[in-house]
């Protein structure tokens, strides 16, 4: 069942469950886009195909807030807001180590390898610019818990930028050589953006689920 965070005639904001792909992939597993379309079809008794625009993504293992467009006009305007940097995407992560300084801005160039579906820090000539800011909100068990604001949205950006500085995300199977078998400690906690028609600010909050590793840290209790 889809958990709706905000909805009107133009938007559908939902909580993405962990380990659910955003859209259909080779795995054949249920995907969030199809689940949301089914929700709209059933809730509003819509005949035929249901339109729902996908304007941004989250990695499969990551949970949290996502916004979909219920009309093509809303999809176009949301995409334009993303290009202009008008959408605030806030994440919470648990780092496998203590980052110093406790806050700052990370700037890199990332190169994606489509064959392996991985990204790496590279030079200006072969990579795309990426930037994020972070702030430590707690340190527990030798781990920094950080709030992250994305300035760009490159593939695996958060995971790669922190891993390249020796503080990979906890349980990140792809970029943390010492990762355990638990759920990756990255969550999309807040979205804030101008409404595509009214231009009023829409804000949705989505704290992490009460599951591991989140529930093992005092700051989330």
Protein backbone atom coordinates (compact mmCIF):
# COMPACT_ATOMS: atom_id res chain seq x y z
CA UNK A 1 0.00 0.00 0.00
CA UNK A 2 1.32 3.42 -0.97
CA UNK A 3 1.84 5.96 1.81
CA UNK A 4 0.83 9.37 0.48
CA UNK A 5 2.66 12.37 1.95
CA UNK A 6 0.90 15.04 -0.13
CA UNK A 7 -1.55 15.02 -3.02
CA UNK A 8 -3.58 17.42 -5.10
CA UNK A 9 -4.76 17.59 -8.72
CA UNK A 10 -1.21 18.11 -9.98
CA UNK A 11 1.11 16.28 -7.57
CA UNK A 12 1.53 12.99 -5.78
CA UNK A 13 4.20 12.83 -3.07
CA UNK A 14 4.80 9.42 -1.51
CA UNK A 15 7.12 7.52 0.78
CA UNK A 16 9.30 5.20 -1.30
CA UNK A 17 9.87 1.88 0.46
CA UNK A 18 13.42 0.55 0.63
CA UNK A 19 14.51 -2.01 -1.97
CA UNK A 20 11.73 -1.06 -4.40
CA UNK A 21 12.84 0.18 -7.85
CA UNK A 22 11.44 3.54 -8.89
CA UNK A 23 10.40 2.17 -12.28
CA UNK A 24 10.28 -1.20 -13.98
CA UNK A 25 13.65 -2.84 -14.47
CA UNK A 26 15.12 -6.19 -15.48
CA UNK A 27 14.38 -7.68 -12.06
CA UNK A 28 10.64 -7.75 -12.79
CA UNK A 29 9.95 -6.71 -9.18
CA UNK A 30 7.06 -4.41 -8.32
CA UNK A 31 8.11 -0.82 -8.95
CA UNK A 32 6.99 2.41 -7.31
CA UNK A 33 5.75 4.11 -10.48
CA UNK A 34 3.41 1.20 -11.28
CA UNK A 35 2.26 1.02 -7.67
CA UNK A 36 1.38 4.72 -7.68
CA UNK A 37 -0.49 4.39 -10.97
CA UNK A 38 -2.48 1.49 -9.51
CA UNK A 39 -3.27 3.63 -6.44
CA UNK A 40 -4.62 6.45 -8.64
CA UNK A 41 -6.59 4.07 -10.83
CA UNK A 42 -8.25 2.40 -7.86
CA UNK A 43 -8.78 5.52 -5.73
CA UNK A 44 -10.32 7.64 -8.47
CA UNK A 45 -11.85 4.83 -10.57
CA UNK A 46 -9.91 5.92 -13.63
CA UNK A 47 -10.49 3.92 -16.83
CA UNK A 48 -7.62 2.94 -19.12
CA UNK A 49 -4.02 3.97 -18.59
CA UNK A 50 -3.15 6.44 -15.83
CA UNK A 51 -0.64 9.23 -16.51
CA UNK A 52 2.04 9.79 -13.87
CA UNK A 53 5.23 11.68 -14.66
CA UNK A 54 8.56 10.56 -13.21
CA UNK A 55 10.74 13.65 -12.66
CA UNK A 56 13.48 12.37 -10.29
CA UNK A 57 14.78 9.10 -8.87
CA UNK A 58 16.11 7.37 -5.79
CA UNK A 59 18.48 4.41 -5.81
CA UNK A 60 16.68 1.12 -5.26
CA UNK A 61 17.99 0.49 -1.71
CA UNK A 62 17.16 4.05 -0.59
CA UNK A 63 13.82 4.99 0.95
CA UNK A 64 12.12 8.33 1.47
CA UNK A 65 10.18 11.18 -0.11
CA UNK A 66 9.47 11.30 -3.85
CA UNK A 67 7.23 13.53 -5.94
CA UNK A 68 5.41 12.48 -9.11
CA UNK A 69 3.48 14.67 -11.56
CA UNK A 70 -0.17 13.85 -12.24
CA UNK A 71 -0.28 15.95 -15.42
CA UNK A 72 2.16 16.50 -18.29
CA UNK A 73 2.18 20.24 -17.55
CA UNK A 74 3.15 19.61 -13.93
CA UNK A 75 5.87 17.18 -15.08
CA UNK A 76 7.35 19.78 -17.42
CA UNK A 77 7.34 22.50 -14.78
CA UNK A 78 8.78 20.26 -12.07
CA UNK A 79 11.56 19.17 -14.41
CA UNK A 80 12.26 22.83 -15.14
CA UNK A 81 12.40 23.57 -11.40
CA UNK A 82 14.93 20.77 -10.97
CA UNK A 83 17.10 22.17 -13.78
CA UNK A 84 16.97 25.61 -12.15
CA UNK A 85 17.89 24.24 -8.73
CA UNK A 86 14.58 25.29 -7.21
CA UNK A 87 13.88 21.93 -5.57
CA UNK A 88 15.47 21.28 -2.18
CA UNK A 89 16.38 17.61 -1.73
CA UNK A 90 17.41 16.83 1.83
CA UNK A 91 18.84 13.47 2.86
CA UNK A 92 19.98 11.90 6.10
CA UNK A 93 22.90 9.46 6.11
CA UNK A 94 24.95 7.52 8.63
CA UNK A 95 28.63 7.52 7.75
CA UNK A 96 30.94 4.62 8.56
CA UNK A 97 33.34 6.83 10.50
CA UNK A 98 33.54 10.39 11.77
CA UNK A 99 33.81 13.09 9.13
CA UNK A 100 35.95 16.17 9.69
CA UNK A 101 35.15 18.96 9.52
CA UNK A 102 31.68 18.35 10.96
CA UNK A 103 30.08 20.43 8.19
CA UNK A 104 31.08 21.64 4.77
CA UNK A 105 30.60 21.58 1.02
CA UNK A 106 31.85 18.74 -1.18
CA UNK A 107 32.69 19.54 -4.80
CA UNK A 108 33.84 16.91 -7.30
CA UNK A 109 33.57 15.66 -10.87
CA UNK A 110 31.93 12.27 -11.28
CA UNK A 111 32.18 9.79 -14.11
CA UNK A 112 29.60 7.02 -14.50
CA UNK A 113 30.35 3.56 -15.87
CA UNK A 114 27.08 2.31 -17.36
CA UNK A 115 28.41 -1.24 -17.69
CA UNK A 116 28.93 -1.65 -13.95
CA UNK A 117 26.38 0.98 -12.84
CA UNK A 118 29.00 2.67 -10.67
CA UNK A 119 30.42 6.18 -10.47
CA UNK A 120 33.81 7.48 -9.47
CA UNK A 121 35.51 10.79 -8.77
CA UNK A 122 37.52 11.92 -11.76
CA UNK A 123 38.89 15.09 -13.35
CA UNK A 124 37.08 18.04 -14.87
CA UNK A 125 37.64 16.90 -18.46
CA UNK A 126 36.06 13.46 -18.10
CA UNK A 127 33.45 13.98 -15.37
CA UNK A 128 30.36 16.00 -14.55
CA UNK A 129 30.40 18.58 -11.78
CA UNK A 130 28.64 17.63 -8.55
CA UNK A 131 28.14 19.45 -5.27
CA UNK A 132 26.50 18.86 -1.92
CA UNK A 133 26.57 20.43 1.52
CA UNK A 134 26.44 18.48 4.77
CA UNK A 135 26.05 19.09 8.48
CA UNK A 136 26.69 16.61 11.29
CA UNK A 137 23.63 16.30 13.53
CA UNK A 138 25.04 13.63 15.87
CA UNK A 139 27.98 11.29 16.42
CA UNK A 140 27.14 7.86 17.83
CA UNK A 141 29.11 4.61 17.94
CA UNK A 142 31.96 6.18 15.96
CA UNK A 143 29.57 7.14 13.16
CA UNK A 144 28.66 10.62 11.92
CA UNK A 145 24.96 11.16 11.27
CA UNK A 146 24.69 13.91 8.68
CA UNK A 147 22.04 16.04 7.01
CA UNK A 148 22.76 16.52 3.31
CA UNK A 149 21.49 19.04 0.78
CA UNK A 150 22.10 18.24 -2.88
CA UNK A 151 23.05 21.03 -5.25
CA UNK A 152 23.30 18.55 -8.16
CA UNK A 153 21.80 15.13 -8.75
CA UNK A 154 24.43 12.83 -10.23
CA UNK A 155 24.16 9.05 -10.15
CA UNK A 156 25.23 7.69 -6.73
CA UNK A 157 26.54 11.17 -5.92
CA UNK A 158 26.15 11.10 -2.14
CA UNK A 159 27.54 7.60 -1.86
CA UNK A 160 30.61 8.30 -4.00
CA UNK A 161 31.48 11.72 -2.60
CA UNK A 162 31.60 10.51 0.99
CA UNK A 163 33.31 7.22 0.11
CA UNK A 164 36.05 9.14 -1.72
CA UNK A 165 36.81 10.94 1.55
CA UNK A 166 37.19 7.78 3.58
CA UNK A 167 33.77 7.93 5.25
CA UNK A 168 31.48 5.76 3.10
CA UNK A 169 27.85 5.25 3.98
CA UNK A 170 27.10 2.56 6.53
CA UNK A 171 26.10 -0.72 4.84
CA UNK A 172 26.75 0.58 1.32
CA UNK A 173 27.48 -2.68 -0.47
CA UNK A 174 28.81 -0.93 -3.56
CA UNK A 175 31.16 1.76 -2.22
CA UNK A 176 32.03 0.62 1.32
CA UNK A 177 34.66 -2.15 1.42
CA UNK A 178 33.74 -2.94 5.03
CA UNK A 179 29.96 -2.85 4.58
CA UNK A 180 27.79 -5.15 6.64
CA UNK A 181 24.74 -6.93 5.27
CA UNK A 182 22.22 -4.41 6.59
CA UNK A 183 20.18 -1.72 4.85
CA UNK A 184 22.14 1.20 3.39
CA UNK A 185 22.01 4.20 5.73
CA UNK A 186 20.68 6.80 3.30
CA UNK A 187 17.18 8.29 3.41
CA UNK A 188 15.41 11.08 1.48
CA UNK A 189 13.97 13.01 4.41
CA UNK A 190 12.58 16.22 2.88
CA UNK A 191 11.45 17.77 -0.39
CA UNK A 192 10.69 21.46 -0.80
CA UNK A 193 9.72 23.02 -4.13
CA UNK A 194 7.46 25.59 -5.83
CA UNK A 195 4.07 24.18 -6.80
CA UNK A 196 3.98 23.77 -10.60
CA UNK A 197 0.79 25.86 -10.99
CA UNK A 198 0.26 27.99 -7.87
CA UNK A 199 4.00 28.61 -7.25
CA UNK A 200 3.34 28.30 -3.52
CA UNK A 201 5.95 26.34 -1.56
CA UNK A 202 5.23 22.65 -1.09
CA UNK A 203 7.17 20.89 1.65
CA UNK A 204 7.01 17.20 2.55
CA UNK A 205 8.89 15.52 5.37
CA UNK A 206 9.64 11.82 5.57
CA UNK A 207 11.67 10.57 8.56
CA UNK A 208 13.41 7.20 8.27
CA UNK A 209 11.40 4.06 8.96
CA UNK A 210 11.81 2.46 12.37
CA UNK A 211 14.09 -0.24 10.99
CA UNK A 212 17.79 -1.03 11.11
CA UNK A 213 20.13 0.73 11.00
CA UNK A 214 18.08 3.84 11.89
CA UNK A 215 16.42 2.49 15.03
CA UNK A 216 19.80 1.59 16.52
CA UNK A 217 20.70 5.29 16.92
CA UNK A 218 19.42 7.50 19.71
CA UNK A 219 18.95 10.52 17.46
CA UNK A 220 16.15 8.73 15.56
CA UNK A 221 14.24 7.44 18.60
